[in-house]
Structure formats: structure tokens, C-alpha cells
Amino acid sequence: MPALIGAADDKRAGILQLVENVQKEDLSLMELAAGLRSLADQGKTHSEICQLVKKSKSWVSKHLAASVENLGYYTRQFMQSETTADVALVLVVN
């Protein structure tokens, strides 16, 4: 089992926890989007987020786009019902 061992302040520990949660395979689209948004809100750049979560720029961009608060009603419904995991499809509905 991979593990990180070492000292970390509260901020670093929070970031590591977020990264670990984003990398879990059983998260919903909304949970992934919220996790990435949290990293961005903490001042992480797009490139830094890509490196942290080990995902491509397009993957991160699509999931960050799904985290904006002014998504339309139907987009929210798709995301909450987990009708699809295809972020591009969900964002087109908006």
C-alpha cells in the first residue's frame, strides 16, 4: 500500500487529503468537481492541480468547469443523479 510519511502542517495535510480523495475511483462527479474546486480555491494553479491528482489538463479543466455554481438546473440534475460520468456531456446540457 502506498503511503506518505512525514510531517505536514494543517494546510499541507488538508491538500494531501483532498488529493487522495480525488484519486479514489468511487467518487461522484459532484464530489470530484468539489474536490478540484477546493484545490483551486486554495490557490493551486491548473498545472499544480494536474500534477497533484496525476490527471491530464483536459480532465482537470472539465471537472473544474463542472464545479461552477451557476450551472443550469438540468446539469445539476445529471450530476446529482449520476446519470452519466461523462463531464463533457453534462456540461453540454447546461
PDB file of N, CA and C in Angstrom:
ATOM      1  N   MET A   1       0.840  -1.163   0.000  1.00  0.00           N
ATOM      2  CA  MET A   1       0.000   0.000   0.000  1.00  0.00           C
ATOM      3  C   MET A   1       0.894   1.238   0.000  1.00  0.00           C
ATOM      4  N   PRO A   2       0.695   2.142  -0.969  1.00  0.00           N
ATOM      5  CA  PRO A   2       1.481   3.374  -1.000  1.00  0.00           C
ATOM      6  C   PRO A   2       1.113   4.273   0.176  1.00  0.00           C
ATOM      7  N   ALA A   3       2.105   4.944   0.718  1.00  0.00           N
ATOM      8  CA  ALA A   3       1.869   5.850   1.840  1.00  0.00           C
ATOM      9  C   ALA A   3       2.888   6.975   1.823  1.00  0.00           C
ATOM     10  N   LEU A   4       2.470   8.124   2.346  1.00  0.00           N
ATOM     11  CA  LEU A   4       3.369   9.250   2.531  1.00  0.00           C
ATOM     12  C   LEU A   4       3.674   9.338   4.018  1.00  0.00           C
ATOM     13  N   ILE A   5       4.942   9.426   4.335  1.00  0.00           N
ATOM     14  CA  ILE A   5       5.347   9.520   5.729  1.00  0.00           C
ATOM     15  C   ILE A   5       6.140  10.806   5.899  1.00  0.00           C
ATOM     16  N   GLY A   6       5.772  11.584   6.880  1.00  0.00           N
ATOM     17  CA  GLY A   6       6.490  12.822   7.134  1.00  0.00           C
ATOM     18  C   GLY A   6       5.610  13.826   7.827  1.00  0.00           C
ATOM     19  N   ALA A   7       6.223  14.895   8.259  1.00  0.00           N
ATOM     20  CA  ALA A   7       5.493  15.952   8.943  1.00  0.00           C
ATOM     21  C   ALA A   7       4.801  16.863   7.923  1.00  0.00           C
ATOM     22  N   ALA A   8       3.642  17.343   8.310  1.00  0.00           N
ATOM     23  CA  ALA A   8       2.908  18.274   7.450  1.00  0.00           C
ATOM     24  C   ALA A   8       2.090  19.198   8.329  1.00  0.00           C
ATOM     25  N   ASP A   9       2.065  20.468   7.952  1.00  0.00           N
ATOM     26  CA  ASP A   9       1.207  21.392   8.686  1.00  0.00           C
ATOM     27  C   ASP A   9      -0.246  21.141   8.281  1.00  0.00           C
ATOM     28  N   ASP A  10      -1.167  21.831   8.922  1.00  0.00           N
ATOM     29  CA  ASP A  10      -2.597  21.593   8.669  1.00  0.00           C
ATOM     30  C   ASP A  10      -2.977  21.833   7.211  1.00  0.00           C
ATOM     31  N   LYS A  11      -2.428  22.890   6.611  1.00  0.00           N
ATOM     32  CA  LYS A  11      -2.754  23.201   5.219  1.00  0.00           C
ATOM     33  C   LYS A  11      -2.271  22.092   4.295  1.00  0.00           C
ATOM     34  N   ARG A  12      -1.029  21.660   4.462  1.00  0.00           N
ATOM     35  CA  ARG A  12      -0.462  20.594   3.614  1.00  0.00           C
ATOM     36  C   ARG A  12      -1.220  19.285   3.824  1.00  0.00           C
ATOM     37  N   ALA A  13      -1.559  18.974   5.060  1.00  0.00           N
ATOM     38  CA  ALA A  13      -2.310  17.747   5.342  1.00  0.00           C
ATOM     39  C   ALA A  13      -3.680  17.790   4.671  1.00  0.00           C
ATOM     40  N   GLY A  14      -4.322  18.959   4.676  1.00  0.00           N
ATOM     41  CA  GLY A  14      -5.616  19.109   4.017  1.00  0.00           C
ATOM     42  C   GLY A  14      -5.518  18.903   2.519  1.00  0.00           C
ATOM     43  N   ILE A  15      -4.467  19.462   1.915  1.00  0.00           N
ATOM     44  CA  ILE A  15      -4.261  19.296   0.474  1.00  0.00           C
ATOM     45  C   ILE A  15      -4.016  17.827   0.145  1.00  0.00           C
ATOM     46  N   LEU A  16      -3.187  17.165   0.940  1.00  0.00           N
ATOM     47  CA  LEU A  16      -2.914  15.739   0.698  1.00  0.00           C
ATOM     48  C   LEU A  16      -4.181  14.907   0.822  1.00  0.00           C
ATOM     49  N   GLN A  17      -5.015  15.245   1.779  1.00  0.00           N
ATOM     50  CA  GLN A  17      -6.275  14.525   1.943  1.00  0.00           C
ATOM     51  C   GLN A  17      -7.191  14.749   0.740  1.00  0.00           C
ATOM     52  N   LEU A  18      -7.281  15.985   0.262  1.00  0.00           N
ATOM     53  CA  LEU A  18      -8.083  16.278  -0.923  1.00  0.00           C
ATOM     54  C   LEU A  18      -7.592  15.501  -2.137  1.00  0.00           C
ATOM     55  N   VAL A  19      -6.269  15.502  -2.329  1.00  0.00           N
ATOM     56  CA  VAL A  19      -5.690  14.788  -3.469  1.00  0.00           C
ATOM     57  C   VAL A  19      -6.019  13.307  -3.386  1.00  0.00           C
ATOM     58  N   GLU A  20      -5.877  12.733  -2.201  1.00  0.00           N
ATOM     59  CA  GLU A  20      -6.202  11.317  -2.020  1.00  0.00           C
ATOM     60  C   GLU A  20      -7.671  11.054  -2.349  1.00  0.00           C
ATOM     61  N   ASN A  21      -8.551  11.923  -1.886  1.00  0.00           N
ATOM     62  CA  ASN A  21      -9.980  11.744  -2.152  1.00  0.00           C
ATOM     63  C   ASN A  21     -10.304  11.856  -3.635  1.00  0.00           C
ATOM     64  N   VAL A  22      -9.665  12.790  -4.340  1.00  0.00           N
ATOM     65  CA  VAL A  22      -9.916  12.964  -5.773  1.00  0.00           C
ATOM     66  C   VAL A  22      -9.469  11.733  -6.552  1.00  0.00           C
ATOM     67  N   GLN A  23      -8.444  11.053  -6.077  1.00  0.00           N
ATOM     68  CA  GLN A  23      -7.922   9.897  -6.796  1.00  0.00           C
ATOM     69  C   GLN A  23      -8.723   8.621  -6.548  1.00  0.00           C
ATOM     70  N   LYS A  24      -9.652   8.649  -5.618  1.00  0.00           N
ATOM     71  CA  LYS A  24     -10.498   7.482  -5.387  1.00  0.00           C
ATOM     72  C   LYS A  24     -11.408   7.281  -6.588  1.00  0.00           C
ATOM     73  N   GLU A  25     -11.662   6.053  -6.920  1.00  0.00           N
ATOM     74  CA  GLU A  25     -12.450   5.746  -8.111  1.00  0.00           C
ATOM     75  C   GLU A  25     -13.953   5.781  -7.863  1.00  0.00           C
ATOM     76  N   ASP A  26     -14.386   5.761  -6.613  1.00  0.00           N
ATOM     77  CA  ASP A  26     -15.816   5.660  -6.333  1.00  0.00           C
ATOM     78  C   ASP A  26     -16.467   6.999  -6.002  1.00  0.00           C
ATOM     79  N   LEU A  27     -15.824   8.099  -6.354  1.00  0.00           N
ATOM     80  CA  LEU A  27     -16.401   9.411  -6.101  1.00  0.00           C
ATOM     81  C   LEU A  27     -17.363   9.800  -7.216  1.00  0.00           C
ATOM     82  N   SER A  28     -18.397  10.521  -6.847  1.00  0.00           N
ATOM     83  CA  SER A  28     -19.337  11.011  -7.852  1.00  0.00           C
ATOM     84  C   SER A  28     -18.715  12.186  -8.598  1.00  0.00           C
ATOM     85  N   LEU A  29     -19.329  12.542  -9.697  1.00  0.00           N
ATOM     86  CA  LEU A  29     -18.868  13.685 -10.484  1.00  0.00           C
ATOM     87  C   LEU A  29     -18.874  14.954  -9.641  1.00  0.00           C
ATOM     88  N   MET A  30     -19.913  15.138  -8.840  1.00  0.00           N
ATOM     89  CA  MET A  30     -20.004  16.327  -7.994  1.00  0.00           C
ATOM     90  C   MET A  30     -18.903  16.346  -6.935  1.00  0.00           C
ATOM     91  N   GLU A  31     -18.599  15.193  -6.367  1.00  0.00           N
ATOM     92  CA  GLU A  31     -17.534  15.125  -5.357  1.00  0.00           C
ATOM     93  C   GLU A  31     -16.173  15.426  -5.970  1.00  0.00           C
ATOM     94  N   LEU A  32     -15.926  14.891  -7.169  1.00  0.00           N
ATOM     95  CA  LEU A  32     -14.670  15.184  -7.864  1.00  0.00           C
ATOM     96  C   LEU A  32     -14.550  16.670  -8.171  1.00  0.00           C
ATOM     97  N   ALA A  33     -15.622  17.238  -8.709  1.00  0.00           N
ATOM     98  CA  ALA A  33     -15.614  18.659  -9.061  1.00  0.00           C
ATOM     99  C   ALA A  33     -15.384  19.521  -7.823  1.00  0.00           C
ATOM    100  N   ALA A  34     -16.043  19.185  -6.732  1.00  0.00           N
ATOM    101  CA  ALA A  34     -15.889  19.958  -5.495  1.00  0.00           C
ATOM    102  C   ALA A  34     -14.473  19.841  -4.944  1.00  0.00           C
ATOM    103  N   GLY A  35     -13.876  18.667  -5.035  1.00  0.00           N
ATOM    104  CA  GLY A  35     -12.508  18.481  -4.561  1.00  0.00           C
ATOM    105  C   GLY A  35     -11.515  19.306  -5.348  1.00  0.00           C
ATOM    106  N   LEU A  36     -11.666  19.301  -6.662  1.00  0.00           N
ATOM    107  CA  LEU A  36     -10.771  20.098  -7.505  1.00  0.00           C
ATOM    108  C   LEU A  36     -10.991  21.582  -7.280  1.00  0.00           C
ATOM    109  N   ARG A  37     -12.250  21.990  -7.122  1.00  0.00           N
ATOM    110  CA  ARG A  37     -12.543  23.400  -6.857  1.00  0.00           C
ATOM    111  C   ARG A  37     -11.899  23.836  -5.544  1.00  0.00           C
ATOM    112  N   SER A  38     -11.915  22.963  -4.564  1.00  0.00           N
ATOM    113  CA  SER A  38     -11.298  23.283  -3.282  1.00  0.00           C
ATOM    114  C   SER A  38      -9.794  23.525  -3.440  1.00  0.00           C
ATOM    115  N   LEU A  39      -9.144  22.698  -4.249  1.00  0.00           N
ATOM    116  CA  LEU A  39      -7.713  22.901  -4.503  1.00  0.00           C
ATOM    117  C   LEU A  39      -7.476  24.237  -5.206  1.00  0.00           C
ATOM    118  N   ALA A  40      -8.319  24.557  -6.185  1.00  0.00           N
ATOM    119  CA  ALA A  40      -8.181  25.827  -6.907  1.00  0.00           C
ATOM    120  C   ALA A  40      -8.436  27.009  -5.967  1.00  0.00           C
ATOM    121  N   ASP A  41      -9.411  26.865  -5.088  1.00  0.00           N
ATOM    122  CA  ASP A  41      -9.728  27.935  -4.146  1.00  0.00           C
ATOM    123  C   ASP A  41      -8.611  28.159  -3.128  1.00  0.00           C
ATOM    124  N   GLN A  42      -7.788  27.139  -2.933  1.00  0.00           N
ATOM    125  CA  GLN A  42      -6.645  27.268  -2.025  1.00  0.00           C
ATOM    126  C   GLN A  42      -5.438  27.883  -2.729  1.00  0.00           C
ATOM    127  N   GLY A  43      -5.635  28.282  -3.980  1.00  0.00           N
ATOM    128  CA  GLY A  43      -4.575  28.976  -4.700  1.00  0.00           C
ATOM    129  C   GLY A  43      -3.726  28.101  -5.603  1.00  0.00           C
ATOM    130  N   LYS A  44      -4.102  26.847  -5.754  1.00  0.00           N
ATOM    131  CA  LYS A  44      -3.346  25.962  -6.644  1.00  0.00           C
ATOM    132  C   LYS A  44      -3.643  26.325  -8.092  1.00  0.00           C
ATOM    133  N   THR A  45      -2.604  26.369  -8.907  1.00  0.00           N
ATOM    134  CA  THR A  45      -2.789  26.642 -10.326  1.00  0.00           C
ATOM    135  C   THR A  45      -3.310  25.391 -11.018  1.00  0.00           C
ATOM    136  N   HIS A  46      -3.772  25.582 -12.243  1.00  0.00           N
ATOM    137  CA  HIS A  46      -4.256  24.460 -13.050  1.00  0.00           C
ATOM    138  C   HIS A  46      -3.163  23.392 -13.181  1.00  0.00           C
ATOM    139  N   SER A  47      -1.958  23.817 -13.488  1.00  0.00           N
ATOM    140  CA  SER A  47      -0.837  22.876 -13.649  1.00  0.00           C
ATOM    141  C   SER A  47      -0.514  22.158 -12.347  1.00  0.00           C
ATOM    142  N   GLU A  48      -0.574  22.885 -11.246  1.00  0.00           N
ATOM    143  CA  GLU A  48      -0.305  22.254  -9.949  1.00  0.00           C
ATOM    144  C   GLU A  48      -1.355  21.205  -9.618  1.00  0.00           C
ATOM    145  N   ILE A  49      -2.607  21.510  -9.926  1.00  0.00           N
ATOM    146  CA  ILE A  49      -3.677  20.543  -9.676  1.00  0.00           C
ATOM    147  C   ILE A  49      -3.462  19.296 -10.521  1.00  0.00           C
ATOM    148  N   CYS A  50      -3.099  19.476 -11.784  1.00  0.00           N
ATOM    149  CA  CYS A  50      -2.829  18.335 -12.672  1.00  0.00           C
ATOM    150  C   CYS A  50      -1.738  17.442 -12.091  1.00  0.00           C
ATOM    151  N   GLN A  51      -0.687  18.052 -11.605  1.00  0.00           N
ATOM    152  CA  GLN A  51       0.419  17.291 -11.022  1.00  0.00           C
ATOM    153  C   GLN A  51      -0.002  16.591  -9.737  1.00  0.00           C
ATOM    154  N   LEU A  52      -0.765  17.291  -8.906  1.00  0.00           N
ATOM    155  CA  LEU A  52      -1.190  16.705  -7.630  1.00  0.00           C
ATOM    156  C   LEU A  52      -2.074  15.477  -7.817  1.00  0.00           C
ATOM    157  N   VAL A  53      -3.043  15.575  -8.720  1.00  0.00           N
ATOM    158  CA  VAL A  53      -4.001  14.473  -8.882  1.00  0.00           C
ATOM    159  C   VAL A  53      -3.607  13.492  -9.980  1.00  0.00           C
ATOM    160  N   LYS A  54      -2.500  13.783 -10.653  1.00  0.00           N
ATOM    161  CA  LYS A  54      -1.986  12.886 -11.709  1.00  0.00           C
ATOM    162  C   LYS A  54      -3.005  12.665 -12.819  1.00  0.00           C
ATOM    163  N   LYS A  55      -3.614  13.788 -13.254  1.00  0.00           N
ATOM    164  CA  LYS A  55      -4.601  13.740 -14.333  1.00  0.00           C
ATOM    165  C   LYS A  55      -4.215  14.750 -15.399  1.00  0.00           C
ATOM    166  N   SER A  56      -4.773  14.571 -16.595  1.00  0.00           N
ATOM    167  CA  SER A  56      -4.457  15.459 -17.712  1.00  0.00           C
ATOM    168  C   SER A  56      -5.102  16.829 -17.528  1.00  0.00           C
ATOM    169  N   LYS A  57      -4.596  17.791 -18.289  1.00  0.00           N
ATOM    170  CA  LYS A  57      -5.154  19.145 -18.226  1.00  0.00           C
ATOM    171  C   LYS A  57      -6.614  19.161 -18.667  1.00  0.00           C
ATOM    172  N   SER A  58      -6.953  18.388 -19.685  1.00  0.00           N
ATOM    173  CA  SER A  58      -8.346  18.387 -20.146  1.00  0.00           C
ATOM    174  C   SER A  58      -9.271  17.780 -19.091  1.00  0.00           C
ATOM    175  N   TRP A  59      -8.825  16.731 -18.410  1.00  0.00           N
ATOM    176  CA  TRP A  59      -9.626  16.103 -17.360  1.00  0.00           C
ATOM    177  C   TRP A  59      -9.880  17.102 -16.237  1.00  0.00           C
ATOM    178  N   VAL A  60      -8.824  17.770 -15.801  1.00  0.00           N
ATOM    179  CA  VAL A  60      -8.950  18.754 -14.725  1.00  0.00           C
ATOM    180  C   VAL A  60      -9.836  19.916 -15.166  1.00  0.00           C
ATOM    181  N   SER A  61      -9.645  20.402 -16.385  1.00  0.00           N
ATOM    182  CA  SER A  61     -10.456  21.519 -16.888  1.00  0.00           C
ATOM    183  C   SER A  61     -11.939  21.178 -16.899  1.00  0.00           C
ATOM    184  N   LYS A  62     -12.274  20.009 -17.407  1.00  0.00           N
ATOM    185  CA  LYS A  62     -13.677  19.608 -17.476  1.00  0.00           C
ATOM    186  C   LYS A  62     -14.287  19.491 -16.079  1.00  0.00           C
ATOM    187  N   HIS A  63     -13.538  18.903 -15.154  1.00  0.00           N
ATOM    188  CA  HIS A  63     -14.071  18.734 -13.809  1.00  0.00           C
ATOM    189  C   HIS A  63     -14.152  20.063 -13.051  1.00  0.00           C
ATOM    190  N   LEU A  64     -13.208  20.949 -13.299  1.00  0.00           N
ATOM    191  CA  LEU A  64     -13.308  22.282 -12.693  1.00  0.00           C
ATOM    192  C   LEU A  64     -14.511  23.029 -13.251  1.00  0.00           C
ATOM    193  N   ALA A  65     -14.764  22.886 -14.547  1.00  0.00           N
ATOM    194  CA  ALA A  65     -15.920  23.535 -15.159  1.00  0.00           C
ATOM    195  C   ALA A  65     -17.219  23.016 -14.548  1.00  0.00           C
ATOM    196  N   ALA A  66     -17.232  21.759 -14.164  1.00  0.00           N
ATOM    197  CA  ALA A  66     -18.431  21.173 -13.557  1.00  0.00           C
ATOM    198  C   ALA A  66     -18.648  21.666 -12.132  1.00  0.00           C
ATOM    199  N   SER A  67     -17.686  22.399 -11.585  1.00  0.00           N
ATOM    200  CA  SER A  67     -17.809  22.846 -10.197  1.00  0.00           C
ATOM    201  C   SER A  67     -18.327  24.270 -10.051  1.00  0.00           C
ATOM    202  N   VAL A  68     -18.581  24.938 -11.158  1.00  0.00           N
ATOM    203  CA  VAL A  68     -19.058  26.319 -11.044  1.00  0.00           C
ATOM    204  C   VAL A  68     -20.475  26.339 -10.474  1.00  0.00           C
ATOM    205  N   GLU A  69     -20.785  27.376  -9.741  1.00  0.00           N
ATOM    206  CA  GLU A  69     -22.065  27.424  -9.032  1.00  0.00           C
ATOM    207  C   GLU A  69     -23.256  27.754  -9.908  1.00  0.00           C
ATOM    208  N   ASN A  70     -23.049  28.379 -11.057  1.00  0.00           N
ATOM    209  CA  ASN A  70     -24.186  28.803 -11.868  1.00  0.00           C
ATOM    210  C   ASN A  70     -24.541  27.805 -12.974  1.00  0.00           C
ATOM    211  N   LEU A  71     -24.300  26.530 -12.731  1.00  0.00           N
ATOM    212  CA  LEU A  71     -24.727  25.521 -13.701  1.00  0.00           C
ATOM    213  C   LEU A  71     -26.244  25.470 -13.716  1.00  0.00           C
ATOM    214  N   GLY A  72     -26.791  25.144 -14.860  1.00  0.00           N
ATOM    215  CA  GLY A  72     -28.236  25.092 -15.008  1.00  0.00           C
ATOM    216  C   GLY A  72     -28.879  23.949 -14.243  1.00  0.00           C
ATOM    217  N   TYR A  73     -30.179  24.009 -14.156  1.00  0.00           N
ATOM    218  CA  TYR A  73     -30.972  23.024 -13.420  1.00  0.00           C
ATOM    219  C   TYR A  73     -30.725  21.605 -13.936  1.00  0.00           C
ATOM    220  N   TYR A  74     -30.785  21.414 -15.257  1.00  0.00           N
ATOM    221  CA  TYR A  74     -30.645  20.072 -15.814  1.00  0.00           C
ATOM    222  C   TYR A  74     -29.229  19.519 -15.625  1.00  0.00           C
ATOM    223  N   THR A  75     -28.262  20.388 -15.693  1.00  0.00           N
ATOM    224  CA  THR A  75     -26.896  19.955 -15.460  1.00  0.00           C
ATOM    225  C   THR A  75     -26.747  19.461 -14.033  1.00  0.00           C
ATOM    226  N   ARG A  76     -27.271  20.203 -13.090  1.00  0.00           N
ATOM    227  CA  ARG A  76     -27.231  19.778 -11.684  1.00  0.00           C
ATOM    228  C   ARG A  76     -27.938  18.435 -11.507  1.00  0.00           C
ATOM    229  N   GLN A  77     -29.091  18.266 -12.185  1.00  0.00           N
ATOM    230  CA  GLN A  77     -29.831  17.009 -12.084  1.00  0.00           C
ATOM    231  C   GLN A  77     -28.996  15.831 -12.590  1.00  0.00           C
ATOM    232  N   PHE A  78     -28.337  16.006 -13.740  1.00  0.00           N
ATOM    233  CA  PHE A  78     -27.471  14.961 -14.273  1.00  0.00           C
ATOM    234  C   PHE A  78     -26.368  14.618 -13.286  1.00  0.00           C
ATOM    235  N   MET A  79     -25.760  15.638 -12.732  1.00  0.00           N
ATOM    236  CA  MET A  79     -24.641  15.418 -11.826  1.00  0.00           C
ATOM    237  C   MET A  79     -25.101  14.750 -10.535  1.00  0.00           C
ATOM    238  N   GLN A  80     -26.213  15.181  -9.988  1.00  0.00           N
ATOM    239  CA  GLN A  80     -26.689  14.617  -8.734  1.00  0.00           C
ATOM    240  C   GLN A  80     -27.208  13.195  -8.898  1.00  0.00           C
ATOM    241  N   SER A  81     -27.835  12.910 -10.015  1.00  0.00           N
ATOM    242  CA  SER A  81     -28.376  11.570 -10.233  1.00  0.00           C
ATOM    243  C   SER A  81     -27.329  10.588 -10.720  1.00  0.00           C
ATOM    244  N   GLU A  82     -26.177  11.108 -11.083  1.00  0.00           N
ATOM    245  CA  GLU A  82     -25.093  10.292 -11.638  1.00  0.00           C
ATOM    246  C   GLU A  82     -25.567   9.499 -12.844  1.00  0.00           C
ATOM    247  N   THR A  83     -26.424  10.127 -13.645  1.00  0.00           N
ATOM    248  CA  THR A  83     -26.925   9.520 -14.872  1.00  0.00           C
ATOM    249  C   THR A  83     -25.781   9.214 -15.820  1.00  0.00           C
ATOM    250  N   THR A  84     -24.783  10.077 -15.807  1.00  0.00           N
ATOM    251  CA  THR A  84     -23.612   9.876 -16.647  1.00  0.00           C
ATOM    252  C   THR A  84     -22.375  10.363 -15.915  1.00  0.00           C
ATOM    253  N   ALA A  85     -21.238   9.785 -16.234  1.00  0.00           N
ATOM    254  CA  ALA A  85     -19.967  10.251 -15.671  1.00  0.00           C
ATOM    255  C   ALA A  85     -19.196  11.051 -16.723  1.00  0.00           C
ATOM    256  N   ASP A  86     -19.806  11.249 -17.880  1.00  0.00           N
ATOM    257  CA  ASP A  86     -19.168  11.979 -18.966  1.00  0.00           C
ATOM    258  C   ASP A  86     -19.318  13.473 -18.726  1.00  0.00           C
ATOM    259  N   VAL A  87     -18.272  14.099 -18.227  1.00  0.00           N
ATOM    260  CA  VAL A  87     -18.327  15.509 -17.870  1.00  0.00           C
ATOM    261  C   VAL A  87     -18.677  16.368 -19.073  1.00  0.00           C
ATOM    262  N   ALA A  88     -18.132  16.050 -20.234  1.00  0.00           N
ATOM    263  CA  ALA A  88     -18.389  16.858 -21.426  1.00  0.00           C
ATOM    264  C   ALA A  88     -19.889  16.834 -21.750  1.00  0.00           C
ATOM    265  N   LEU A  89     -20.516  15.701 -21.626  1.00  0.00           N
ATOM    266  CA  LEU A  89     -21.960  15.587 -21.882  1.00  0.00           C
ATOM    267  C   LEU A  89     -22.735  16.416 -20.875  1.00  0.00           C
ATOM    268  N   VAL A  90     -22.375  16.332 -19.623  1.00  0.00           N
ATOM    269  CA  VAL A  90     -23.071  17.081 -18.582  1.00  0.00           C
ATOM    270  C   VAL A  90     -22.955  18.576 -18.833  1.00  0.00           C
ATOM    271  N   LEU A  91     -21.792  19.045 -19.241  1.00  0.00           N
ATOM    272  CA  LEU A  91     -21.598  20.468 -19.455  1.00  0.00           C
ATOM    273  C   LEU A  91     -22.321  20.972 -20.707  1.00  0.00           C
ATOM    274  N   VAL A  92     -22.525  20.110 -21.702  1.00  0.00           N
ATOM    275  CA  VAL A  92     -23.264  20.496 -22.899  1.00  0.00           C
ATOM    276  C   VAL A  92     -24.716  20.737 -22.551  1.00  0.00           C
ATOM    277  N   VAL A  93     -25.254  19.982 -21.627  1.00  0.00           N
ATOM    278  CA  VAL A  93     -26.649  20.119 -21.218  1.00  0.00           C
ATOM    279  C   VAL A  93     -26.885  21.502 -20.638  1.00  0.00           C
ATOM    280  N   ASN A  94     -25.892  22.046 -19.981  1.00  0.00           N
ATOM    281  CA  ASN A  94     -26.019  23.378 -19.385  1.00  0.00           C
ATOM    282  C   ASN A  94     -26.224  24.388 -20.476  1.00  0.00           C
TER     283      ASN A  94
END
